[in-house]
Amino acid sequence: METQSDLNQILRQEMMWYAQIQGYKVSSHFLFNEAQSEYTVIVLSDADYPLERFARVMMMARLEDNHIIIEVDTTDKPLYEALMHAGIPREKIILAYAGEQVPTPTS
């Protein structure tokens, strides 16, 4: 069984991988709030991007009540698949962006 620490480590590692992906005139950046177990990958356009400059959330996930909750995933290689490949059971992953319900916290 995965502990909160295990889930945190795997989630962080996988999202850092996504942040290494670079594109034409854009760069990806990994941001995190370790105290609240929240992780985000954003995409920033270069200053000389041909259209308007932008910053967008590519991926956002957090840990809550021993579950990984994926709030945003705009990639063509879904985070939940990478997490499952890394050994996280599907029942520990909630796709909030797809309408899956976040369980109520246990006391």
Protein backbone atom coordinates (compact mmCIF):
# COMPACT_ATOMS: atom_id res chain seq x y z
CA MET A 1 0.00 0.00 0.00
CA GLU A 2 1.29 3.45 -0.93
CA THR A 3 1.82 5.93 1.86
CA GLN A 4 1.20 9.65 1.43
CA SER A 5 4.97 10.06 1.23
CA ASP A 6 5.23 7.44 -1.56
CA LEU A 7 2.43 9.09 -3.53
CA ASN A 8 4.05 12.50 -3.04
CA GLN A 9 7.44 11.30 -4.27
CA ILE A 10 6.03 9.56 -7.36
CA LEU A 11 3.75 12.47 -8.26
CA ARG A 12 6.59 14.96 -7.92
CA GLN A 13 8.95 12.80 -10.02
CA GLU A 14 6.41 12.31 -12.82
CA MET A 15 5.42 15.97 -12.98
CA MET A 16 9.07 17.04 -13.05
CA TRP A 17 9.44 14.84 -16.15
CA TYR A 18 6.62 16.73 -17.89
CA ALA A 19 8.28 20.03 -16.99
CA GLN A 20 11.36 19.02 -19.00
CA ILE A 21 9.35 18.99 -22.23
CA GLN A 22 10.15 22.04 -24.33
CA GLY A 23 8.43 23.27 -27.46
CA TYR A 24 8.85 25.83 -30.19
CA LYS A 25 9.23 29.25 -28.55
CA VAL A 26 7.85 27.98 -25.22
CA SER A 27 9.33 26.60 -22.01
CA SER A 28 7.83 24.49 -19.23
CA HIS A 29 8.33 25.14 -15.54
CA PHE A 30 7.63 23.00 -12.47
CA LEU A 31 6.13 24.81 -9.46
CA PHE A 32 5.21 23.27 -6.15
CA ASN A 33 3.85 23.99 -2.72
CA GLU A 34 5.29 21.19 -0.64
CA ALA A 35 3.45 22.21 2.54
CA GLN A 36 0.11 21.67 0.79
CA SER A 37 1.27 18.90 -1.59
CA GLU A 38 0.30 20.88 -4.69
CA TYR A 39 2.22 20.58 -7.97
CA THR A 40 1.88 22.54 -11.20
CA VAL A 41 3.57 22.59 -14.59
CA ILE A 42 3.13 25.83 -16.50
CA VAL A 43 4.06 26.75 -20.05
CA LEU A 44 5.50 30.19 -20.81
CA SER A 45 6.00 31.63 -24.26
CA ASP A 46 9.32 33.17 -25.17
CA ALA A 47 9.53 36.95 -25.39
CA ASP A 48 9.75 36.72 -29.19
CA TYR A 49 6.79 34.35 -29.54
CA PRO A 50 5.10 35.20 -32.87
CA LEU A 51 1.71 35.77 -31.29
CA GLU A 52 0.88 37.31 -27.93
CA ARG A 53 2.94 36.30 -24.90
CA PHE A 54 1.22 33.80 -22.61
CA ALA A 55 1.46 31.66 -19.50
CA ARG A 56 -0.78 28.59 -19.19
CA VAL A 57 -1.28 25.79 -16.71
CA MET A 58 -0.39 22.56 -18.49
CA MET A 59 -0.89 20.28 -15.51
CA MET A 60 -1.93 20.63 -11.87
CA ALA A 61 -2.28 17.93 -9.23
CA ARG A 62 -2.41 17.65 -5.46
CA LEU A 63 -2.47 15.03 -2.75
CA GLU A 64 -5.38 14.80 -0.40
CA ASP A 65 -6.51 12.02 1.91
CA ASN A 66 -4.06 9.52 0.35
CA HIS A 67 -5.33 10.22 -3.19
CA ILE A 68 -3.76 12.03 -6.13
CA ILE A 69 -6.23 14.55 -7.48
CA ILE A 70 -5.46 15.78 -10.99
CA GLU A 71 -7.13 19.15 -11.45
CA VAL A 72 -5.73 20.03 -14.90
CA ASP A 73 -4.06 17.93 -17.59
CA THR A 74 -3.88 19.35 -21.10
CA THR A 75 -1.26 16.92 -22.43
CA ASP A 76 -1.61 14.19 -25.03
CA LYS A 77 0.24 11.82 -22.65
CA PRO A 78 -2.04 11.87 -19.59
CA LEU A 79 -0.47 12.11 -16.15
CA TYR A 80 -2.72 9.38 -14.75
CA GLU A 81 -1.23 6.89 -17.22
CA ALA A 82 2.31 7.84 -16.17
CA LEU A 83 1.31 7.46 -12.51
CA MET A 84 -0.21 4.03 -13.14
CA HIS A 85 2.92 2.99 -15.04
CA ALA A 86 4.92 4.09 -11.96
CA GLY A 87 2.82 1.75 -9.78
CA ILE A 88 -0.01 3.93 -8.46
CA PRO A 89 -3.33 2.04 -8.55
CA ARG A 90 -6.05 3.74 -10.61
CA GLU A 91 -8.34 3.89 -7.55
CA LYS A 92 -5.80 6.25 -5.90
CA ILE A 93 -6.06 8.71 -8.82
CA ILE A 94 -8.97 11.11 -9.24
CA LEU A 95 -9.44 12.95 -12.52
CA ALA A 96 -11.20 16.07 -11.23
CA TYR A 97 -10.82 17.70 -14.67
CA ALA A 98 -12.94 14.87 -16.09
CA GLY A 99 -15.65 15.22 -13.45
CA GLU A 100 -14.58 12.44 -11.08
CA GLN A 101 -15.63 13.24 -7.53
CA VAL A 102 -13.08 13.97 -4.84
CA PRO A 103 -13.82 11.80 -1.80
CA THR A 104 -14.77 13.55 1.41
CA PRO A 105 -11.85 13.64 3.86
CA THR A 106 -11.79 11.07 6.61
CA SER A 107 -11.51 12.28 10.17
